[in-house]
């Protein structure tokens, strides 16, 4: 059996089970499974430390953007040697995409240790 991490599965699970999960208890359980004990998330304007803080950020995003807002992978994640990247798009279901970006993650022992949220700038 290979010890190589399933980068695509891990980052897709993060998108689906953390950043699309509106139930805080389910979201916290997913974070406990997918993230190391003391993860760090780097957003464009802040640094978020710890599982509960990451859960709070995800919950706030979902509340802020409405009940049908969803993140969707825009292709498979790629990665090797502990680094993985997943492109995504987000917006209300059935409406035009509101934002696109990528998650870049440092993976340690099959879990997310650091997550960088990279937002694409819109062409105006």
N, C-alpha and C. Protein backbone atom coordinates (compact mmCIF):
# COMPACT_ATOMS: atom_id res chain seq x y z
N UNK A 1 0.84 -1.19 0.00
CA UNK A 1 0.00 0.00 0.00
C UNK A 1 0.88 1.24 0.00
N UNK A 2 0.55 2.20 -0.82
CA UNK A 2 1.31 3.44 -0.92
C UNK A 2 1.02 4.34 0.27
N UNK A 3 2.06 5.03 0.74
CA UNK A 3 1.85 5.97 1.84
C UNK A 3 1.61 7.38 1.30
N UNK A 4 1.54 7.51 -0.02
CA UNK A 4 1.31 8.81 -0.63
C UNK A 4 -0.11 9.30 -0.29
N UNK A 5 -0.21 10.55 0.08
CA UNK A 5 -1.48 11.16 0.45
C UNK A 5 -2.37 11.34 -0.77
N UNK A 6 -3.66 11.16 -0.60
CA UNK A 6 -4.65 11.45 -1.64
C UNK A 6 -4.94 12.96 -1.59
N UNK A 7 -4.10 13.74 -2.25
CA UNK A 7 -4.22 15.20 -2.20
C UNK A 7 -5.57 15.67 -2.70
N UNK A 8 -6.03 15.09 -3.80
CA UNK A 8 -7.32 15.50 -4.36
C UNK A 8 -8.44 15.20 -3.37
N UNK A 9 -8.46 14.03 -2.82
CA UNK A 9 -9.50 13.66 -1.86
C UNK A 9 -9.49 14.55 -0.63
N UNK A 10 -8.30 14.84 -0.12
CA UNK A 10 -8.17 15.66 1.08
C UNK A 10 -8.66 17.09 0.85
N UNK A 11 -8.23 17.71 -0.24
CA UNK A 11 -8.63 19.10 -0.47
C UNK A 11 -10.09 19.21 -0.91
N UNK A 12 -10.60 18.22 -1.62
CA UNK A 12 -12.03 18.22 -1.96
C UNK A 12 -12.87 18.04 -0.69
N UNK A 13 -12.41 17.18 0.22
CA UNK A 13 -13.13 16.98 1.49
C UNK A 13 -13.13 18.28 2.29
N UNK A 14 -12.03 19.00 2.28
CA UNK A 14 -11.97 20.28 2.98
C UNK A 14 -13.01 21.25 2.41
N UNK A 15 -13.09 21.33 1.10
CA UNK A 15 -14.07 22.23 0.47
C UNK A 15 -15.49 21.80 0.84
N UNK A 16 -15.79 20.51 0.69
CA UNK A 16 -17.16 20.02 0.90
C UNK A 16 -17.55 19.97 2.37
N UNK A 17 -16.68 19.43 3.20
CA UNK A 17 -17.05 19.13 4.59
C UNK A 17 -16.72 20.24 5.57
N UNK A 18 -15.90 21.21 5.14
CA UNK A 18 -15.57 22.34 6.01
C UNK A 18 -16.20 23.62 5.45
N UNK A 19 -15.83 23.99 4.25
CA UNK A 19 -16.24 25.30 3.73
C UNK A 19 -17.63 25.31 3.10
N UNK A 20 -18.25 24.14 2.89
CA UNK A 20 -19.64 24.09 2.45
C UNK A 20 -20.57 23.57 3.54
N UNK A 21 -20.03 23.26 4.72
CA UNK A 21 -20.85 22.67 5.78
C UNK A 21 -21.43 23.74 6.69
N UNK A 22 -22.75 23.81 6.72
CA UNK A 22 -23.43 24.82 7.54
C UNK A 22 -23.65 24.36 8.98
N UNK A 23 -23.63 23.08 9.23
CA UNK A 23 -23.80 22.54 10.58
C UNK A 23 -22.46 22.59 11.30
N UNK A 24 -22.36 23.42 12.34
CA UNK A 24 -21.09 23.64 13.04
C UNK A 24 -20.53 22.35 13.66
N UNK A 25 -21.39 21.48 14.16
CA UNK A 25 -20.92 20.23 14.78
C UNK A 25 -20.28 19.33 13.72
N UNK A 26 -20.94 19.20 12.57
CA UNK A 26 -20.37 18.39 11.48
C UNK A 26 -19.09 19.03 10.95
N UNK A 27 -19.08 20.36 10.84
CA UNK A 27 -17.89 21.06 10.35
C UNK A 27 -16.72 20.85 11.30
N UNK A 28 -16.96 20.96 12.61
CA UNK A 28 -15.90 20.74 13.60
C UNK A 28 -15.36 19.32 13.54
N UNK A 29 -16.24 18.34 13.35
CA UNK A 29 -15.81 16.94 13.24
C UNK A 29 -14.94 16.75 12.00
N UNK A 30 -15.31 17.37 10.90
CA UNK A 30 -14.52 17.27 9.68
C UNK A 30 -13.14 17.91 9.87
N UNK A 31 -13.11 19.06 10.51
CA UNK A 31 -11.83 19.74 10.76
C UNK A 31 -10.93 18.88 11.63
N UNK A 32 -11.51 18.23 12.65
CA UNK A 32 -10.72 17.35 13.52
C UNK A 32 -10.11 16.19 12.74
N UNK A 33 -10.81 15.73 11.71
CA UNK A 33 -10.33 14.62 10.89
C UNK A 33 -9.32 15.08 9.83
N UNK A 34 -9.56 16.24 9.23
CA UNK A 34 -8.78 16.67 8.07
C UNK A 34 -7.57 17.53 8.39
N UNK A 35 -7.56 18.18 9.55
CA UNK A 35 -6.50 19.12 9.91
C UNK A 35 -5.66 18.59 11.07
N UNK A 36 -4.41 19.01 11.13
CA UNK A 36 -3.55 18.71 12.28
C UNK A 36 -4.12 19.41 13.52
N UNK A 37 -3.57 19.14 14.68
CA UNK A 37 -4.09 19.68 15.93
C UNK A 37 -4.05 21.21 15.99
N UNK A 38 -3.02 21.82 15.45
CA UNK A 38 -2.89 23.28 15.51
C UNK A 38 -2.64 23.86 14.12
N UNK A 39 -3.64 23.83 13.24
CA UNK A 39 -3.45 24.32 11.87
C UNK A 39 -3.43 25.84 11.81
N UNK A 40 -2.89 26.33 10.69
CA UNK A 40 -2.89 27.77 10.42
C UNK A 40 -3.46 27.97 9.02
N UNK A 41 -4.36 28.95 8.89
CA UNK A 41 -4.93 29.29 7.60
C UNK A 41 -4.55 30.74 7.28
N UNK A 42 -3.99 30.93 6.11
CA UNK A 42 -3.58 32.25 5.65
C UNK A 42 -4.60 32.75 4.64
N UNK A 43 -5.31 33.80 4.99
CA UNK A 43 -6.24 34.44 4.09
C UNK A 43 -5.58 35.72 3.57
N UNK A 44 -6.12 36.31 2.51
CA UNK A 44 -5.47 37.52 1.99
C UNK A 44 -5.27 38.62 3.03
N UNK A 45 -6.21 38.75 3.96
CA UNK A 45 -6.13 39.85 4.93
C UNK A 45 -5.93 39.42 6.37
N UNK A 46 -5.74 38.12 6.62
CA UNK A 46 -5.59 37.68 8.01
C UNK A 46 -4.93 36.32 8.10
N UNK A 47 -4.50 36.00 9.31
CA UNK A 47 -3.95 34.69 9.63
C UNK A 47 -4.85 34.11 10.71
N UNK A 48 -5.36 32.90 10.46
CA UNK A 48 -6.30 32.26 11.37
C UNK A 48 -5.61 31.04 11.96
N UNK A 49 -5.57 30.96 13.29
CA UNK A 49 -4.86 29.86 13.94
C UNK A 49 -5.82 29.00 14.75
N UNK A 50 -5.74 27.69 14.55
CA UNK A 50 -6.51 26.74 15.33
C UNK A 50 -7.75 26.24 14.62
N UNK A 51 -8.15 25.02 15.01
CA UNK A 51 -9.31 24.38 14.39
C UNK A 51 -10.59 25.18 14.60
N UNK A 52 -10.84 25.64 15.83
CA UNK A 52 -12.10 26.33 16.10
C UNK A 52 -12.17 27.67 15.36
N UNK A 53 -11.04 28.34 15.21
CA UNK A 53 -11.02 29.61 14.48
C UNK A 53 -11.29 29.38 12.99
N UNK A 54 -10.74 28.31 12.43
CA UNK A 54 -10.99 27.99 11.03
C UNK A 54 -12.47 27.66 10.83
N UNK A 55 -13.05 26.91 11.76
CA UNK A 55 -14.47 26.58 11.68
C UNK A 55 -15.32 27.85 11.74
N UNK A 56 -14.95 28.78 12.60
CA UNK A 56 -15.70 30.04 12.72
C UNK A 56 -15.64 30.84 11.43
N UNK A 57 -14.47 30.89 10.79
CA UNK A 57 -14.33 31.61 9.52
C UNK A 57 -15.22 30.97 8.45
N UNK A 58 -15.19 29.64 8.36
CA UNK A 58 -16.03 28.95 7.36
C UNK A 58 -17.51 29.22 7.62
N UNK A 59 -17.93 29.14 8.87
CA UNK A 59 -19.32 29.39 9.20
C UNK A 59 -19.74 30.81 8.88
N UNK A 60 -18.87 31.76 9.18
CA UNK A 60 -19.18 33.16 8.89
C UNK A 60 -19.32 33.40 7.39
N UNK A 61 -18.43 32.81 6.59
CA UNK A 61 -18.52 32.95 5.13
C UNK A 61 -19.87 32.46 4.62
N UNK A 62 -20.28 31.29 5.09
CA UNK A 62 -21.54 30.72 4.63
C UNK A 62 -22.73 31.58 5.05
N UNK A 63 -22.70 32.11 6.26
CA UNK A 63 -23.78 33.01 6.71
C UNK A 63 -23.79 34.30 5.90
N UNK A 64 -22.61 34.83 5.64
CA UNK A 64 -22.48 36.11 4.94
C UNK A 64 -23.02 36.04 3.52
N UNK A 65 -22.78 34.93 2.82
CA UNK A 65 -23.11 34.86 1.40
C UNK A 65 -24.42 34.17 1.09
N UNK A 66 -25.16 33.72 2.08
CA UNK A 66 -26.50 33.20 1.85
C UNK A 66 -26.60 31.69 1.76
N UNK A 67 -27.83 31.19 1.81
CA UNK A 67 -28.07 29.75 1.97
C UNK A 67 -27.69 28.88 0.78
N UNK A 68 -27.60 29.44 -0.42
CA UNK A 68 -27.26 28.59 -1.56
C UNK A 68 -25.81 28.77 -2.01
N UNK A 69 -25.01 29.54 -1.28
CA UNK A 69 -23.62 29.76 -1.65
C UNK A 69 -22.83 28.47 -1.50
N UNK A 70 -22.05 28.09 -2.51
CA UNK A 70 -21.28 26.84 -2.50
C UNK A 70 -19.91 27.04 -3.15
N UNK A 71 -18.94 26.32 -2.62
CA UNK A 71 -17.63 26.20 -3.23
C UNK A 71 -17.61 24.92 -4.04
N UNK A 72 -17.07 24.99 -5.26
CA UNK A 72 -17.01 23.83 -6.15
C UNK A 72 -15.61 23.69 -6.70
N UNK A 73 -15.03 22.47 -6.67
CA UNK A 73 -13.71 22.28 -7.27
C UNK A 73 -13.76 22.61 -8.76
N UNK A 74 -12.67 23.20 -9.26
CA UNK A 74 -12.58 23.52 -10.69
C UNK A 74 -11.52 22.63 -11.34
N UNK A 75 -11.56 21.36 -11.00
CA UNK A 75 -10.58 20.40 -11.50
C UNK A 75 -9.99 19.64 -10.32
N UNK A 76 -9.17 18.66 -10.62
CA UNK A 76 -8.56 17.88 -9.54
C UNK A 76 -7.44 18.64 -8.84
N UNK A 77 -7.25 18.34 -7.57
CA UNK A 77 -6.10 18.90 -6.84
C UNK A 77 -4.85 18.20 -7.34
N UNK A 78 -3.75 18.92 -7.33
CA UNK A 78 -2.46 18.34 -7.67
C UNK A 78 -1.53 18.54 -6.48
N UNK A 79 -0.61 17.61 -6.33
CA UNK A 79 0.32 17.77 -5.22
C UNK A 79 1.36 16.68 -5.19
N UNK A 80 2.39 16.95 -4.43
CA UNK A 80 3.43 15.97 -4.13
C UNK A 80 4.31 16.53 -3.02
N UNK A 81 5.00 15.65 -2.34
CA UNK A 81 5.95 16.03 -1.29
C UNK A 81 5.38 17.00 -0.27
N UNK A 82 4.11 16.78 0.10
CA UNK A 82 3.52 17.58 1.16
C UNK A 82 2.93 18.91 0.76
N UNK A 83 2.83 19.19 -0.54
CA UNK A 83 2.21 20.42 -1.02
C UNK A 83 1.10 20.05 -2.00
N UNK A 84 -0.07 20.67 -1.82
CA UNK A 84 -1.20 20.40 -2.71
C UNK A 84 -1.93 21.69 -3.04
N UNK A 85 -2.52 21.75 -4.25
CA UNK A 85 -3.26 22.92 -4.69
C UNK A 85 -4.56 22.46 -5.35
N UNK A 86 -5.66 23.11 -4.96
CA UNK A 86 -6.96 22.85 -5.56
C UNK A 86 -7.55 24.18 -6.03
N UNK A 87 -7.87 24.27 -7.31
CA UNK A 87 -8.58 25.44 -7.83
C UNK A 87 -10.07 25.26 -7.55
N UNK A 88 -10.77 26.37 -7.26
CA UNK A 88 -12.20 26.30 -6.97
C UNK A 88 -12.89 27.55 -7.50
N UNK A 89 -14.21 27.44 -7.54
CA UNK A 89 -15.06 28.59 -7.86
C UNK A 89 -16.21 28.56 -6.87
N UNK A 90 -16.82 29.72 -6.65
CA UNK A 90 -17.89 29.78 -5.66
C UNK A 90 -18.93 30.80 -6.05
N UNK A 91 -20.13 30.57 -5.55
CA UNK A 91 -21.24 31.47 -5.77
C UNK A 91 -22.53 30.78 -5.42
N UNK A 92 -23.64 31.49 -5.50
CA UNK A 92 -24.95 30.88 -5.25
C UNK A 92 -25.27 29.84 -6.32
N UNK A 93 -25.84 28.72 -5.90
CA UNK A 93 -26.19 27.65 -6.83
C UNK A 93 -27.14 28.19 -7.90
N UNK A 94 -26.85 27.87 -9.16
CA UNK A 94 -27.69 28.28 -10.27
C UNK A 94 -27.45 29.69 -10.77
N UNK A 95 -26.49 30.39 -10.17
CA UNK A 95 -26.17 31.75 -10.59
C UNK A 95 -24.73 31.80 -11.09
N UNK A 96 -24.34 32.90 -11.74
CA UNK A 96 -22.95 33.00 -12.21
C UNK A 96 -21.95 32.89 -11.05
N UNK A 97 -20.78 32.40 -11.37
CA UNK A 97 -19.71 32.27 -10.39
C UNK A 97 -19.37 33.66 -9.85
N UNK A 98 -19.29 33.78 -8.52
CA UNK A 98 -19.02 35.07 -7.88
C UNK A 98 -17.53 35.28 -7.62
N UNK A 99 -16.80 34.21 -7.35
CA UNK A 99 -15.38 34.32 -7.02
C UNK A 99 -14.68 33.02 -7.39
N UNK A 100 -13.42 33.14 -7.79
CA UNK A 100 -12.60 31.97 -8.05
C UNK A 100 -11.31 32.10 -7.26
N UNK A 101 -10.68 30.98 -7.04
CA UNK A 101 -9.43 31.01 -6.30
C UNK A 101 -8.82 29.63 -6.23
N UNK A 102 -7.86 29.50 -5.34
CA UNK A 102 -7.18 28.23 -5.12
C UNK A 102 -6.88 28.08 -3.64
N UNK A 103 -6.87 26.85 -3.19
CA UNK A 103 -6.36 26.52 -1.86
C UNK A 103 -5.03 25.82 -2.06
N UNK A 104 -4.01 26.32 -1.39
CA UNK A 104 -2.71 25.65 -1.38
C UNK A 104 -2.50 25.16 0.05
N UNK A 105 -2.09 23.92 0.19
CA UNK A 105 -1.99 23.34 1.53
C UNK A 105 -0.68 22.63 1.74
N UNK A 106 -0.15 22.79 2.95
CA UNK A 106 0.97 21.98 3.41
C UNK A 106 0.34 20.79 4.13
N UNK A 107 0.72 19.60 3.69
CA UNK A 107 0.14 18.38 4.24
C UNK A 107 1.20 17.68 5.09
N UNK A 108 0.83 17.37 6.33
CA UNK A 108 1.73 16.67 7.24
C UNK A 108 1.00 15.43 7.75
N UNK A 109 1.59 14.27 7.53
CA UNK A 109 0.99 12.99 7.96
C UNK A 109 -0.46 12.85 7.48
N UNK A 110 -0.72 13.26 6.24
CA UNK A 110 -2.04 13.08 5.65
C UNK A 110 -3.09 14.09 6.08
N UNK A 111 -2.67 15.14 6.82
CA UNK A 111 -3.62 16.16 7.26
C UNK A 111 -3.12 17.55 6.87
N UNK A 112 -4.05 18.48 6.81
CA UNK A 112 -3.71 19.85 6.45
C UNK A 112 -3.08 20.55 7.66
N UNK A 113 -1.86 21.03 7.49
CA UNK A 113 -1.17 21.77 8.55
C UNK A 113 -1.31 23.28 8.33
N UNK A 114 -1.11 23.70 7.10
CA UNK A 114 -1.25 25.11 6.73
C UNK A 114 -2.08 25.17 5.45
N UNK A 115 -2.96 26.17 5.40
CA UNK A 115 -3.82 26.36 4.24
C UNK A 115 -3.74 27.81 3.81
N UNK A 116 -3.37 28.04 2.56
CA UNK A 116 -3.33 29.39 1.99
C UNK A 116 -4.53 29.53 1.07
N UNK A 117 -5.38 30.52 1.31
CA UNK A 117 -6.54 30.81 0.47
C UNK A 117 -6.15 31.92 -0.48
N UNK A 118 -6.10 31.59 -1.76
CA UNK A 118 -5.67 32.54 -2.79
C UNK A 118 -6.87 32.90 -3.64
N UNK A 119 -7.21 34.18 -3.66
CA UNK A 119 -8.36 34.65 -4.44
C UNK A 119 -7.87 35.26 -5.76
N UNK A 120 -8.58 34.93 -6.83
CA UNK A 120 -8.27 35.54 -8.11
C UNK A 120 -8.93 36.91 -8.16
N UNK A 121 -8.24 37.87 -8.73
CA UNK A 121 -8.83 39.20 -8.89
C UNK A 121 -9.74 39.18 -10.11
N UNK A 122 -10.85 39.88 -10.04
CA UNK A 122 -11.78 39.91 -11.16
C UNK A 122 -11.31 40.91 -12.20
N UNK A 123 -11.51 40.53 -13.44
CA UNK A 123 -11.22 41.47 -14.53
C UNK A 123 -12.40 42.43 -14.62
N UNK A 124 -12.14 43.71 -14.48
CA UNK A 124 -13.23 44.69 -14.52
C UNK A 124 -13.15 45.47 -15.81
